[in-house]
PDB file of all heavy atoms in Angstrom:
ATOM      1  N   ILE A   1     -23.877 -11.133  -3.177  1.00  0.00           N
ATOM      2  CA  ILE A   1     -23.779  -9.837  -2.528  1.00  0.00           C
ATOM      3  C   ILE A   1     -23.913  -8.686  -3.521  1.00  0.00           C
ATOM      4  O   ILE A   1     -23.778  -8.894  -4.721  1.00  0.00           O
ATOM      5  CB  ILE A   1     -22.427  -9.660  -1.784  1.00  0.00           C
ATOM      6  CG1 ILE A   1     -21.278  -9.586  -2.756  1.00  0.00           C
ATOM      7  CG2 ILE A   1     -22.207 -10.681  -0.744  1.00  0.00           C
ATOM      8  CD1 ILE A   1     -19.966  -8.976  -2.141  1.00  0.00           C
ATOM      9  N   VAL A   2     -24.203  -7.532  -2.947  1.00  0.00           N
ATOM     10  CA  VAL A   2     -24.127  -6.268  -3.669  1.00  0.00           C
ATOM     11  C   VAL A   2     -23.270  -5.368  -2.817  1.00  0.00           C
ATOM     12  O   VAL A   2     -23.494  -5.247  -1.631  1.00  0.00           O
ATOM     13  CB  VAL A   2     -25.522  -5.624  -3.858  1.00  0.00           C
ATOM     14  CG1 VAL A   2     -25.400  -4.277  -4.455  1.00  0.00           C
ATOM     15  CG2 VAL A   2     -26.414  -6.527  -4.682  1.00  0.00           C
ATOM     16  N   ALA A   3     -22.195  -4.857  -3.393  1.00  0.00           N
ATOM     17  CA  ALA A   3     -21.283  -3.995  -2.671  1.00  0.00           C
ATOM     18  C   ALA A   3     -22.019  -2.684  -2.354  1.00  0.00           C
ATOM     19  O   ALA A   3     -22.496  -1.984  -3.228  1.00  0.00           O
ATOM     20  CB  ALA A   3     -20.068  -3.720  -3.422  1.00  0.00           C
ATOM     21  N   VAL A   4     -22.028  -2.327  -1.037  1.00  0.00           N
ATOM     22  CA  VAL A   4     -22.669  -1.083  -0.618  1.00  0.00           C
ATOM     23  C   VAL A   4     -21.572  -0.008  -0.553  1.00  0.00           C
ATOM     24  O   VAL A   4     -21.775   1.112  -0.946  1.00  0.00           O
ATOM     25  CB  VAL A   4     -23.328  -1.277   0.799  1.00  0.00           C
ATOM     26  CG1 VAL A   4     -23.976  -0.009   1.271  1.00  0.00           C
ATOM     27  CG2 VAL A   4     -24.376  -2.363   0.735  1.00  0.00           C
ATOM     28  N   VAL A   5     -20.450  -0.355   0.007  1.00  0.00           N
ATOM     29  CA  VAL A   5     -19.290   0.522   0.018  1.00  0.00           C
ATOM     30  C   VAL A   5     -18.164  -0.335  -0.576  1.00  0.00           C
ATOM     31  O   VAL A   5     -17.907  -1.444  -0.203  1.00  0.00           O
ATOM     32  CB  VAL A   5     -18.934   0.938   1.468  1.00  0.00           C
ATOM     33  CG1 VAL A   5     -17.662   1.751   1.434  1.00  0.00           C
ATOM     34  CG2 VAL A   5     -20.047   1.702   2.056  1.00  0.00           C
ATOM     35  N   ASP A   6     -17.513   0.242  -1.620  1.00  0.00           N
ATOM     36  CA  ASP A   6     -16.532  -0.518  -2.399  1.00  0.00           C
ATOM     37  C   ASP A   6     -15.185   0.201  -2.435  1.00  0.00           C
ATOM     38  O   ASP A   6     -14.996   1.099  -3.313  1.00  0.00           O
ATOM     39  CB  ASP A   6     -17.064  -0.746  -3.804  1.00  0.00           C
ATOM     40  CG  ASP A   6     -16.277  -1.781  -4.582  1.00  0.00           C
ATOM     41  OD1 ASP A   6     -15.125  -2.079  -4.183  1.00  0.00           O
ATOM     42  OD2 ASP A   6     -16.798  -2.180  -5.604  1.00  0.00           O
ATOM     43  N   THR A   7     -14.310  -0.099  -1.542  1.00  0.00           N
ATOM     44  CA  THR A   7     -13.014   0.600  -1.469  1.00  0.00           C
ATOM     45  C   THR A   7     -12.062   0.189  -2.592  1.00  0.00           C
ATOM     46  O   THR A   7     -10.888   0.598  -2.573  1.00  0.00           O
ATOM     47  CB  THR A   7     -12.321   0.374  -0.086  1.00  0.00           C
ATOM     48  OG1 THR A   7     -12.180  -0.932   0.182  1.00  0.00           O
ATOM     49  CG2 THR A   7     -13.121   1.123   0.973  1.00  0.00           C
ATOM     50  N   ARG A   8     -12.537  -0.535  -3.587  1.00  0.00           N
ATOM     51  CA  ARG A   8     -11.776  -0.727  -4.807  1.00  0.00           C
ATOM     52  C   ARG A   8     -11.908   0.473  -5.708  1.00  0.00           C
ATOM     53  O   ARG A   8     -11.162   0.579  -6.689  1.00  0.00           O
ATOM     54  CB  ARG A   8     -12.227  -1.990  -5.526  1.00  0.00           C
ATOM     55  CG  ARG A   8     -12.076  -3.290  -4.665  1.00  0.00           C
ATOM     56  CD  ARG A   8     -12.713  -4.489  -5.336  1.00  0.00           C
ATOM     57  NE  ARG A   8     -14.141  -4.341  -5.361  1.00  0.00           N
ATOM     58  CZ  ARG A   8     -15.011  -5.179  -5.871  1.00  0.00           C
ATOM     59  NH1 ARG A   8     -14.550  -6.265  -6.424  1.00  0.00           N
ATOM     60  NH2 ARG A   8     -16.297  -4.972  -5.824  1.00  0.00           N
ATOM     61  N   THR A   9     -12.802   1.406  -5.387  1.00  0.00           N
ATOM     62  CA  THR A   9     -13.009   2.578  -6.136  1.00  0.00           C
ATOM     63  C   THR A   9     -12.441   3.802  -5.441  1.00  0.00           C
ATOM     64  O   THR A   9     -12.402   3.852  -4.229  1.00  0.00           O
ATOM     65  CB  THR A   9     -14.497   2.827  -6.453  1.00  0.00           C
ATOM     66  OG1 THR A   9     -15.140   3.184  -5.233  1.00  0.00           O
ATOM     67  CG2 THR A   9     -15.140   1.580  -7.057  1.00  0.00           C
ATOM     68  N   ALA A  10     -11.980   4.759  -6.229  1.00  0.00           N
ATOM     69  CA  ALA A  10     -11.464   5.993  -5.606  1.00  0.00           C
ATOM     70  C   ALA A  10     -12.478   6.722  -4.831  1.00  0.00           C
ATOM     71  O   ALA A  10     -12.252   7.279  -3.735  1.00  0.00           O
ATOM     72  CB  ALA A  10     -10.901   6.894  -6.714  1.00  0.00           C
ATOM     73  N   LYS A  11     -13.742   6.732  -5.283  1.00  0.00           N
ATOM     74  CA  LYS A  11     -14.838   7.406  -4.577  1.00  0.00           C
ATOM     75  C   LYS A  11     -15.009   6.824  -3.202  1.00  0.00           C
ATOM     76  O   LYS A  11     -15.057   7.580  -2.185  1.00  0.00           O
ATOM     77  CB  LYS A  11     -16.148   7.273  -5.410  1.00  0.00           C
ATOM     78  CG  LYS A  11     -17.353   7.829  -4.712  1.00  0.00           C
ATOM     79  CD  LYS A  11     -18.636   7.505  -5.520  1.00  0.00           C
ATOM     80  CE  LYS A  11     -19.869   7.795  -4.768  1.00  0.00           C
ATOM     81  NZ  LYS A  11     -20.201   6.804  -3.748  1.00  0.00           N
ATOM     82  N   ASP A  12     -15.083   5.566  -3.080  1.00  0.00           N
ATOM     83  CA  ASP A  12     -15.353   4.951  -1.743  1.00  0.00           C
ATOM     84  C   ASP A  12     -14.031   4.932  -0.912  1.00  0.00           C
ATOM     85  O   ASP A  12     -14.151   4.935   0.347  1.00  0.00           O
ATOM     86  CB  ASP A  12     -15.935   3.536  -1.871  1.00  0.00           C
ATOM     87  CG  ASP A  12     -17.436   3.673  -2.179  1.00  0.00           C
ATOM     88  OD1 ASP A  12     -18.037   4.802  -2.109  1.00  0.00           O
ATOM     89  OD2 ASP A  12     -18.086   2.641  -2.503  1.00  0.00           O
ATOM     90  N   MET A  13     -12.868   4.916  -1.521  1.00  0.00           N
ATOM     91  CA  MET A  13     -11.641   5.112  -0.697  1.00  0.00           C
ATOM     92  C   MET A  13     -11.679   6.466  -0.042  1.00  0.00           C
ATOM     93  O   MET A  13     -11.350   6.610   1.125  1.00  0.00           O
ATOM     94  CB  MET A  13     -10.364   4.992  -1.583  1.00  0.00           C
ATOM     95  CG  MET A  13      -9.851   3.598  -1.692  1.00  0.00           C
ATOM     96  SD  MET A  13      -8.172   3.592  -2.384  1.00  0.00           S
ATOM     97  CE  MET A  13      -8.518   3.412  -4.080  1.00  0.00           C
ATOM     98  N   GLN A  14     -12.172   7.467  -0.798  1.00  0.00           N
ATOM     99  CA  GLN A  14     -12.319   8.820  -0.227  1.00  0.00           C
ATOM    100  C   GLN A  14     -13.323   8.780   0.934  1.00  0.00           C
ATOM    101  O   GLN A  14     -13.066   9.375   1.985  1.00  0.00           O
ATOM    102  CB  GLN A  14     -12.750   9.836  -1.318  1.00  0.00           C
ATOM    103  CG  GLN A  14     -12.861  11.221  -0.866  1.00  0.00           C
ATOM    104  CD  GLN A  14     -11.569  11.872  -0.452  1.00  0.00           C
ATOM    105  OE1 GLN A  14     -10.551  11.621  -1.103  1.00  0.00           O
ATOM    106  NE2 GLN A  14     -11.614  12.629   0.612  1.00  0.00           N
ATOM    107  N   THR A  15     -14.455   8.127   0.712  1.00  0.00           N
ATOM    108  CA  THR A  15     -15.509   8.055   1.736  1.00  0.00           C
ATOM    109  C   THR A  15     -15.003   7.375   3.043  1.00  0.00           C
ATOM    110  O   THR A  15     -15.217   7.914   4.086  1.00  0.00           O
ATOM    111  CB  THR A  15     -16.732   7.344   1.181  1.00  0.00           C
ATOM    112  OG1 THR A  15     -17.240   8.014   0.030  1.00  0.00           O
ATOM    113  CG2 THR A  15     -17.834   7.232   2.214  1.00  0.00           C
ATOM    114  N   VAL A  16     -14.421   6.195   2.867  1.00  0.00           N
ATOM    115  CA  VAL A  16     -13.984   5.410   4.012  1.00  0.00           C
ATOM    116  C   VAL A  16     -12.690   5.897   4.616  1.00  0.00           C
ATOM    117  O   VAL A  16     -12.570   6.008   5.882  1.00  0.00           O
ATOM    118  CB  VAL A  16     -13.818   3.954   3.614  1.00  0.00           C
ATOM    119  CG1 VAL A  16     -13.289   3.089   4.731  1.00  0.00           C
ATOM    120  CG2 VAL A  16     -15.203   3.378   3.110  1.00  0.00           C
ATOM    121  N   TYR A  17     -11.717   6.140   3.855  1.00  0.00           N
ATOM    122  CA  TYR A  17     -10.338   6.484   4.342  1.00  0.00           C
ATOM    123  C   TYR A  17     -10.034   7.946   4.319  1.00  0.00           C
ATOM    124  O   TYR A  17      -9.038   8.346   4.844  1.00  0.00           O
ATOM    125  CB  TYR A  17      -9.276   5.725   3.642  1.00  0.00           C
ATOM    126  CG  TYR A  17      -9.497   4.202   3.599  1.00  0.00           C
ATOM    127  CD1 TYR A  17      -9.641   3.531   2.440  1.00  0.00           C
ATOM    128  CD2 TYR A  17      -9.564   3.483   4.765  1.00  0.00           C
ATOM    129  CE1 TYR A  17      -9.834   2.145   2.348  1.00  0.00           C
ATOM    130  CE2 TYR A  17      -9.742   2.123   4.764  1.00  0.00           C
ATOM    131  CZ  TYR A  17      -9.938   1.474   3.527  1.00  0.00           C
ATOM    132  OH  TYR A  17     -10.110   0.124   3.494  1.00  0.00           O
ATOM    133  N   GLY A  18     -10.835   8.759   3.608  1.00  0.00           N
ATOM    134  CA  GLY A  18     -10.434  10.139   3.427  1.00  0.00           C
ATOM    135  C   GLY A  18      -9.419  10.378   2.293  1.00  0.00           C
ATOM    136  O   GLY A  18      -8.905  11.447   2.100  1.00  0.00           O
ATOM    137  N   GLY A  19      -9.185   9.336   1.473  1.00  0.00           N
ATOM    138  CA  GLY A  19      -8.295   9.454   0.311  1.00  0.00           C
ATOM    139  C   GLY A  19      -7.727   8.033   0.029  1.00  0.00           C
ATOM    140  O   GLY A  19      -8.296   7.027   0.434  1.00  0.00           O
ATOM    141  N   ALA A  20      -6.627   8.068  -0.661  1.00  0.00           N
ATOM    142  CA  ALA A  20      -6.036   6.856  -1.100  1.00  0.00           C
ATOM    143  C   ALA A  20      -5.610   5.976   0.061  1.00  0.00           C
ATOM    144  O   ALA A  20      -5.330   6.437   1.154  1.00  0.00           O
ATOM    145  CB  ALA A  20      -4.794   7.202  -1.982  1.00  0.00           C
ATOM    146  N   TYR A  21      -5.532   4.617  -0.221  1.00  0.00           N
ATOM    147  CA  TYR A  21      -5.122   3.692   0.825  1.00  0.00           C
ATOM    148  C   TYR A  21      -4.148   2.722   0.123  1.00  0.00           C
ATOM    149  O   TYR A  21      -4.465   2.003  -0.815  1.00  0.00           O
ATOM    150  CB  TYR A  21      -6.355   2.886   1.317  1.00  0.00           C
ATOM    151  CG  TYR A  21      -6.002   1.900   2.452  1.00  0.00           C
ATOM    152  CD1 TYR A  21      -6.050   2.324   3.736  1.00  0.00           C
ATOM    153  CD2 TYR A  21      -5.536   0.615   2.147  1.00  0.00           C
ATOM    154  CE1 TYR A  21      -5.736   1.456   4.780  1.00  0.00           C
ATOM    155  CE2 TYR A  21      -5.226  -0.237   3.174  1.00  0.00           C
ATOM    156  CZ  TYR A  21      -5.318   0.171   4.472  1.00  0.00           C
ATOM    157  OH  TYR A  21      -5.013  -0.672   5.496  1.00  0.00           O
ATOM    158  N   GLY A  22      -2.901   2.771   0.537  1.00  0.00           N
ATOM    159  CA  GLY A  22      -1.831   1.956  -0.072  1.00  0.00           C
ATOM    160  C   GLY A  22      -1.856   0.507   0.360  1.00  0.00           C
ATOM    161  O   GLY A  22      -1.120   0.148   1.355  1.00  0.00           O
ATOM    162  N   ALA A  23      -2.675  -0.318  -0.200  1.00  0.00           N
ATOM    163  CA  ALA A  23      -2.759  -1.703   0.204  1.00  0.00           C
ATOM    164  C   ALA A  23      -1.631  -2.571  -0.325  1.00  0.00           C
ATOM    165  O   ALA A  23      -1.103  -3.363   0.337  1.00  0.00           O
ATOM    166  CB  ALA A  23      -4.136  -2.276  -0.216  1.00  0.00           C
ATOM    167  N   GLY A  24      -1.319  -2.406  -1.627  1.00  0.00           N
ATOM    168  CA  GLY A  24      -0.260  -3.236  -2.266  1.00  0.00           C
ATOM    169  C   GLY A  24       1.038  -2.511  -2.199  1.00  0.00           C
ATOM    170  O   GLY A  24       1.481  -1.890  -3.186  1.00  0.00           O
ATOM    171  N   CYS A  25       1.656  -2.473  -1.046  1.00  0.00           N
ATOM    172  CA  CYS A  25       2.917  -1.739  -0.886  1.00  0.00           C
ATOM    173  C   CYS A  25       3.862  -2.556   0.013  1.00  0.00           C
ATOM    174  O   CYS A  25       3.468  -3.616   0.506  1.00  0.00           O
ATOM    175  CB  CYS A  25       2.672  -0.345  -0.343  1.00  0.00           C
ATOM    176  SG  CYS A  25       1.792  -0.302   1.241  1.00  0.00           S
ATOM    177  N   LEU A  26       5.071  -2.036   0.174  1.00  0.00           N
ATOM    178  CA  LEU A  26       6.010  -2.720   0.994  1.00  0.00           C
ATOM    179  C   LEU A  26       5.958  -2.086   2.435  1.00  0.00           C
ATOM    180  O   LEU A  26       6.170  -0.859   2.514  1.00  0.00           O
ATOM    181  CB  LEU A  26       7.413  -2.648   0.464  1.00  0.00           C
ATOM    182  CG  LEU A  26       7.650  -3.293  -0.882  1.00  0.00           C
ATOM    183  CD1 LEU A  26       9.026  -2.969  -1.381  1.00  0.00           C
ATOM    184  CD2 LEU A  26       7.448  -4.817  -0.704  1.00  0.00           C
ATOM    185  N   TYR A  27       5.832  -2.883   3.446  1.00  0.00           N
ATOM    186  CA  TYR A  27       5.994  -2.420   4.833  1.00  0.00           C
ATOM    187  C   TYR A  27       7.287  -3.138   5.325  1.00  0.00           C
ATOM    188  O   TYR A  27       7.281  -4.337   5.476  1.00  0.00           O
ATOM    189  CB  TYR A  27       4.838  -2.918   5.695  1.00  0.00           C
ATOM    190  CG  TYR A  27       3.439  -2.513   5.218  1.00  0.00           C
ATOM    191  CD1 TYR A  27       2.661  -3.464   4.613  1.00  0.00           C
ATOM    192  CD2 TYR A  27       2.963  -1.301   5.516  1.00  0.00           C
ATOM    193  CE1 TYR A  27       1.389  -3.140   4.190  1.00  0.00           C
ATOM    194  CE2 TYR A  27       1.674  -0.924   5.124  1.00  0.00           C
ATOM    195  CZ  TYR A  27       0.896  -1.856   4.472  1.00  0.00           C
ATOM    196  OH  TYR A  27      -0.384  -1.520   4.067  1.00  0.00           O
ATOM    197  N   LEU A  28       8.268  -2.333   5.552  1.00  0.00           N
ATOM    198  CA  LEU A  28       9.596  -2.936   5.945  1.00  0.00           C
ATOM    199  C   LEU A  28      10.143  -2.265   7.234  1.00  0.00           C
ATOM    200  O   LEU A  28      10.029  -1.042   7.353  1.00  0.00           O
ATOM    201  CB  LEU A  28      10.620  -2.738   4.830  1.00  0.00           C
ATOM    202  CG  LEU A  28      10.334  -3.388   3.500  1.00  0.00           C
ATOM    203  CD1 LEU A  28      11.373  -2.950   2.506  1.00  0.00           C
ATOM    204  CD2 LEU A  28      10.301  -4.877   3.619  1.00  0.00           C
ATOM    205  N   PRO A  29      10.654  -3.103   8.146  1.00  0.00           N
ATOM    206  CA  PRO A  29      11.309  -2.429   9.302  1.00  0.00           C
ATOM    207  C   PRO A  29      12.471  -1.600   8.811  1.00  0.00           C
ATOM    208  O   PRO A  29      13.200  -1.944   7.842  1.00  0.00           O
ATOM    209  CB  PRO A  29      11.822  -3.634  10.087  1.00  0.00           C
ATOM    210  CG  PRO A  29      11.022  -4.834   9.635  1.00  0.00           C
ATOM    211  CD  PRO A  29      10.681  -4.536   8.182  1.00  0.00           C
ATOM    212  N   ILE A  30      12.668  -0.464   9.468  1.00  0.00           N
ATOM    213  CA  ILE A  30      13.777   0.433   9.104  1.00  0.00           C
ATOM    214  C   ILE A  30      15.100  -0.351   9.113  1.00  0.00           C
ATOM    215  O   ILE A  30      15.968  -0.113   8.242  1.00  0.00           O
ATOM    216  CB  ILE A  30      13.841   1.640  10.048  1.00  0.00           C
ATOM    217  CG1 ILE A  30      12.592   2.526   9.786  1.00  0.00           C
ATOM    218  CG2 ILE A  30      15.112   2.461   9.807  1.00  0.00           C
ATOM    219  CD1 ILE A  30      12.414   3.641  10.800  1.00  0.00           C
ATOM    220  N   GLU A  31      15.253  -1.252  10.126  1.00  0.00           N
ATOM    221  CA  GLU A  31      16.497  -1.976  10.266  1.00  0.00           C
ATOM    222  C   GLU A  31      16.751  -2.798   8.934  1.00  0.00           C
ATOM    223  O   GLU A  31      17.857  -2.982   8.511  1.00  0.00           O
ATOM    224  CB  GLU A  31      16.469  -2.889  11.406  1.00  0.00           C
ATOM    225  CG  GLU A  31      16.344  -2.170  12.775  1.00  0.00           C
ATOM    226  CD  GLU A  31      14.935  -1.664  13.066  1.00  0.00           C
ATOM    227  OE1 GLU A  31      13.919  -2.251  12.612  1.00  0.00           O
ATOM    228  OE2 GLU A  31      14.820  -0.581  13.693  1.00  0.00           O
ATOM    229  N   PHE A  32      15.693  -3.384   8.330  1.00  0.00           N
ATOM    230  CA  PHE A  32      15.876  -4.135   7.183  1.00  0.00           C
ATOM    231  C   PHE A  32      16.342  -3.289   5.998  1.00  0.00           C
ATOM    232  O   PHE A  32      17.299  -3.690   5.282  1.00  0.00           O
ATOM    233  CB  PHE A  32      14.522  -4.829   6.734  1.00  0.00           C
ATOM    234  CG  PHE A  32      14.632  -5.669   5.544  1.00  0.00           C
ATOM    235  CD1 PHE A  32      14.919  -7.064   5.651  1.00  0.00           C
ATOM    236  CD2 PHE A  32      14.500  -5.174   4.288  1.00  0.00           C
ATOM    237  CE1 PHE A  32      15.008  -7.890   4.554  1.00  0.00           C
ATOM    238  CE2 PHE A  32      14.636  -5.983   3.149  1.00  0.00           C
ATOM    239  CZ  PHE A  32      14.903  -7.349   3.316  1.00  0.00           C
ATOM    240  N   THR A  33      15.741  -2.087   5.842  1.00  0.00           N
ATOM    241  CA  THR A  33      16.146  -1.244   4.689  1.00  0.00           C
ATOM    242  C   THR A  33      17.604  -0.753   4.891  1.00  0.00           C
ATOM    243  O   THR A  33      18.248  -0.558   3.907  1.00  0.00           O
ATOM    244  CB  THR A  33      15.211  -0.036   4.561  1.00  0.00           C
ATOM    245  OG1 THR A  33      15.267   0.791   5.730  1.00  0.00           O
ATOM    246  CG2 THR A  33      13.755  -0.468   4.264  1.00  0.00           C
ATOM    247  N   LYS A  34      18.018  -0.589   6.127  1.00  0.00           N
ATOM    248  CA  LYS A  34      19.383  -0.184   6.425  1.00  0.00           C
ATOM    249  C   LYS A  34      20.362  -1.327   6.146  1.00  0.00           C
ATOM    250  O   LYS A  34      21.424  -1.159   5.561  1.00  0.00           O
ATOM    251  CB  LYS A  34      19.537   0.383   7.798  1.00  0.00           C
ATOM    252  CG  LYS A  34      18.913   1.706   8.051  1.00  0.00           C
ATOM    253  CD  LYS A  34      19.009   2.150   9.501  1.00  0.00           C
ATOM    254  CE  LYS A  34      18.390   3.508   9.682  1.00  0.00           C
ATOM    255  NZ  LYS A  34      18.408   3.939  11.056  1.00  0.00           N
ATOM    256  N   LYS A  35      19.987  -2.536   6.588  1.00  0.00           N
ATOM    257  CA  LYS A  35      20.858  -3.673   6.437  1.00  0.00           C
ATOM    258  C   LYS A  35      20.909  -4.211   5.059  1.00  0.00           C
ATOM    259  O   LYS A  35      21.912  -4.700   4.593  1.00  0.00           O
ATOM    260  CB  LYS A  35      20.414  -4.778   7.459  1.00  0.00           C
ATOM    261  CG  LYS A  35      21.388  -5.911   7.492  1.00  0.00           C
ATOM    262  CD  LYS A  35      20.996  -6.914   8.610  1.00  0.00           C
ATOM    263  CE  LYS A  35      21.923  -8.066   8.679  1.00  0.00           C
ATOM    264  NZ  LYS A  35      21.629  -8.992   9.791  1.00  0.00           N
ATOM    265  N   TYR A  36      19.758  -4.079   4.349  1.00  0.00           N
ATOM    266  CA  TYR A  36      19.660  -4.698   2.980  1.00  0.00           C
ATOM    267  C   TYR A  36      19.104  -3.677   1.986  1.00  0.00           C
ATOM    268  O   TYR A  36      18.078  -3.873   1.381  1.00  0.00           O
ATOM    269  CB  TYR A  36      18.742  -5.927   3.022  1.00  0.00           C
ATOM    270  CG  TYR A  36      19.137  -6.964   3.982  1.00  0.00           C
ATOM    271  CD1 TYR A  36      18.444  -7.172   5.169  1.00  0.00           C
ATOM    272  CD2 TYR A  36      20.227  -7.799   3.737  1.00  0.00           C
ATOM    273  CE1 TYR A  36      18.818  -8.121   6.028  1.00  0.00           C
ATOM    274  CE2 TYR A  36      20.610  -8.789   4.646  1.00  0.00           C
ATOM    275  CZ  TYR A  36      19.937  -8.960   5.816  1.00  0.00           C
ATOM    276  OH  TYR A  36      20.328  -9.931   6.677  1.00  0.00           O
ATOM    277  N   PRO A  37      19.806  -2.572   1.802  1.00  0.00           N
ATOM    278  CA  PRO A  37      19.289  -1.527   0.949  1.00  0.00           C
ATOM    279  C   PRO A  37      19.193  -2.025  -0.563  1.00  0.00           C
ATOM    280  O   PRO A  37      18.258  -1.597  -1.289  1.00  0.00           O
ATOM    281  CB  PRO A  37      20.307  -0.375   1.032  1.00  0.00           C
ATOM    282  CG  PRO A  37      21.551  -1.027   1.526  1.00  0.00           C
ATOM    283  CD  PRO A  37      21.112  -2.139   2.378  1.00  0.00           C
ATOM    284  N   ASN A  38      20.101  -2.888  -0.987  1.00  0.00           N
ATOM    285  CA  ASN A  38      20.044  -3.386  -2.369  1.00  0.00           C
ATOM    286  C   ASN A  38      18.810  -4.259  -2.539  1.00  0.00           C
ATOM    287  O   ASN A  38      18.165  -4.215  -3.603  1.00  0.00           O
ATOM    288  CB  ASN A  38      21.314  -4.126  -2.729  1.00  0.00           C
ATOM    289  CG  ASN A  38      22.503  -3.192  -2.788  1.00  0.00           C
ATOM    290  OD1 ASN A  38      22.354  -2.002  -2.949  1.00  0.00           O
ATOM    291  ND2 ASN A  38      23.686  -3.719  -2.673  1.00  0.00           N
ATOM    292  N   THR A  39      18.563  -5.099  -1.569  1.00  0.00           N
ATOM    293  CA  THR A  39      17.349  -5.976  -1.672  1.00  0.00           C
ATOM    294  C   THR A  39      16.062  -5.137  -1.623  1.00  0.00           C
ATOM    295  O   THR A  39      15.142  -5.366  -2.422  1.00  0.00           O
ATOM    296  CB  THR A  39      17.334  -7.010  -0.448  1.00  0.00           C
ATOM    297  OG1 THR A  39      18.501  -7.767  -0.517  1.00  0.00           O
ATOM    298  CG2 THR A  39      16.108  -7.884  -0.522  1.00  0.00           C
ATOM    299  N   THR A  40      16.031  -4.128  -0.769  1.00  0.00           N
ATOM    300  CA  THR A  40      14.881  -3.236  -0.667  1.00  0.00           C
ATOM    301  C   THR A  40      14.708  -2.551  -2.048  1.00  0.00           C
ATOM    302  O   THR A  40      13.618  -2.515  -2.594  1.00  0.00           O
ATOM    303  CB  THR A  40      15.080  -2.200   0.410  1.00  0.00           C
ATOM    304  OG1 THR A  40      15.262  -2.839   1.662  1.00  0.00           O
ATOM    305  CG2 THR A  40      13.910  -1.247   0.480  1.00  0.00           C
ATOM    306  N   GLN A  41      15.781  -2.068  -2.629  1.00  0.00           N
ATOM    307  CA  GLN A  41      15.721  -1.357  -3.889  1.00  0.00           C
ATOM    308  C   GLN A  41      15.240  -2.283  -5.017  1.00  0.00           C
ATOM    309  O   GLN A  41      14.400  -1.888  -5.860  1.00  0.00           O
ATOM    310  CB  GLN A  41      17.047  -0.742  -4.300  1.00  0.00           C
ATOM    311  CG  GLN A  41      16.961   0.202  -5.480  1.00  0.00           C
ATOM    312  CD  GLN A  41      16.054   1.435  -5.181  1.00  0.00           C
ATOM    313  OE1 GLN A  41      16.375   2.210  -4.339  1.00  0.00           O
ATOM    314  NE2 GLN A  41      15.010   1.553  -5.937  1.00  0.00           N
ATOM    315  N   ALA A  42      15.737  -3.516  -4.996  1.00  0.00           N
ATOM    316  CA  ALA A  42      15.305  -4.484  -6.006  1.00  0.00           C
ATOM    317  C   ALA A  42      13.847  -4.755  -5.934  1.00  0.00           C
ATOM    318  O   ALA A  42      13.099  -4.870  -6.979  1.00  0.00           O
ATOM    319  CB  ALA A  42      16.136  -5.761  -5.867  1.00  0.00           C
ATOM    320  N   MET A  43      13.296  -4.906  -4.732  1.00  0.00           N
ATOM    321  CA  MET A  43      11.848  -5.112  -4.580  1.00  0.00           C
ATOM    322  C   MET A  43      11.003  -3.918  -5.064  1.00  0.00           C
ATOM    323  O   MET A  43      10.043  -4.120  -5.767  1.00  0.00           O
ATOM    324  CB  MET A  43      11.506  -5.430  -3.103  1.00  0.00           C
ATOM    325  CG  MET A  43      12.031  -6.777  -2.629  1.00  0.00           C
ATOM    326  SD  MET A  43      11.464  -7.234  -0.965  1.00  0.00           S
ATOM    327  CE  MET A  43      12.108  -5.972   0.077  1.00  0.00           C
ATOM    328  N   VAL A  44      11.453  -2.762  -4.721  1.00  0.00           N
ATOM    329  CA  VAL A  44      10.780  -1.544  -5.155  1.00  0.00           C
ATOM    330  C   VAL A  44      10.871  -1.400  -6.673  1.00  0.00           C
ATOM    331  O   VAL A  44       9.901  -1.080  -7.390  1.00  0.00           O
ATOM    332  CB  VAL A  44      11.287  -0.312  -4.417  1.00  0.00           C
ATOM    333  CG1 VAL A  44      10.710   1.000  -5.027  1.00  0.00           C
ATOM    334  CG2 VAL A  44      10.992  -0.414  -2.950  1.00  0.00           C
ATOM    335  N   ASN A  45      12.056  -1.680  -7.229  1.00  0.00           N
ATOM    336  CA  ASN A  45      12.239  -1.603  -8.686  1.00  0.00           C
ATOM    337  C   ASN A  45      11.221  -2.559  -9.415  1.00  0.00           C
ATOM    338  O   ASN A  45      10.596  -2.143 -10.389  1.00  0.00           O
ATOM    339  CB  ASN A  45      13.682  -2.014  -9.089  1.00  0.00           C
ATOM    340  CG  ASN A  45      14.692  -1.002  -8.777  1.00  0.00           C
ATOM    341  OD1 ASN A  45      14.398   0.083  -8.278  1.00  0.00           O
ATOM    342  ND2 ASN A  45      15.952  -1.335  -8.943  1.00  0.00           N
ATOM    343  N   ALA A  46      11.110  -3.725  -8.908  1.00  0.00           N
ATOM    344  CA  ALA A  46      10.179  -4.714  -9.484  1.00  0.00           C
ATOM    345  C   ALA A  46       8.754  -4.200  -9.440  1.00  0.00           C
ATOM    346  O   ALA A  46       7.984  -4.296 -10.400  1.00  0.00           O
ATOM    347  CB  ALA A  46      10.288  -6.018  -8.755  1.00  0.00           C
TER     348      ALA A  46
END
């Protein structure tokens, strides 16, 4: 293949998404963060 649009680059993230796209992040239910704030903090710290 040859990448035509490559969202691994800031330029193409801008083109496709209109800016940054947080792919490697934590998606947590609010209830989890409330019930386990220390666990949430430990994951974010890491």
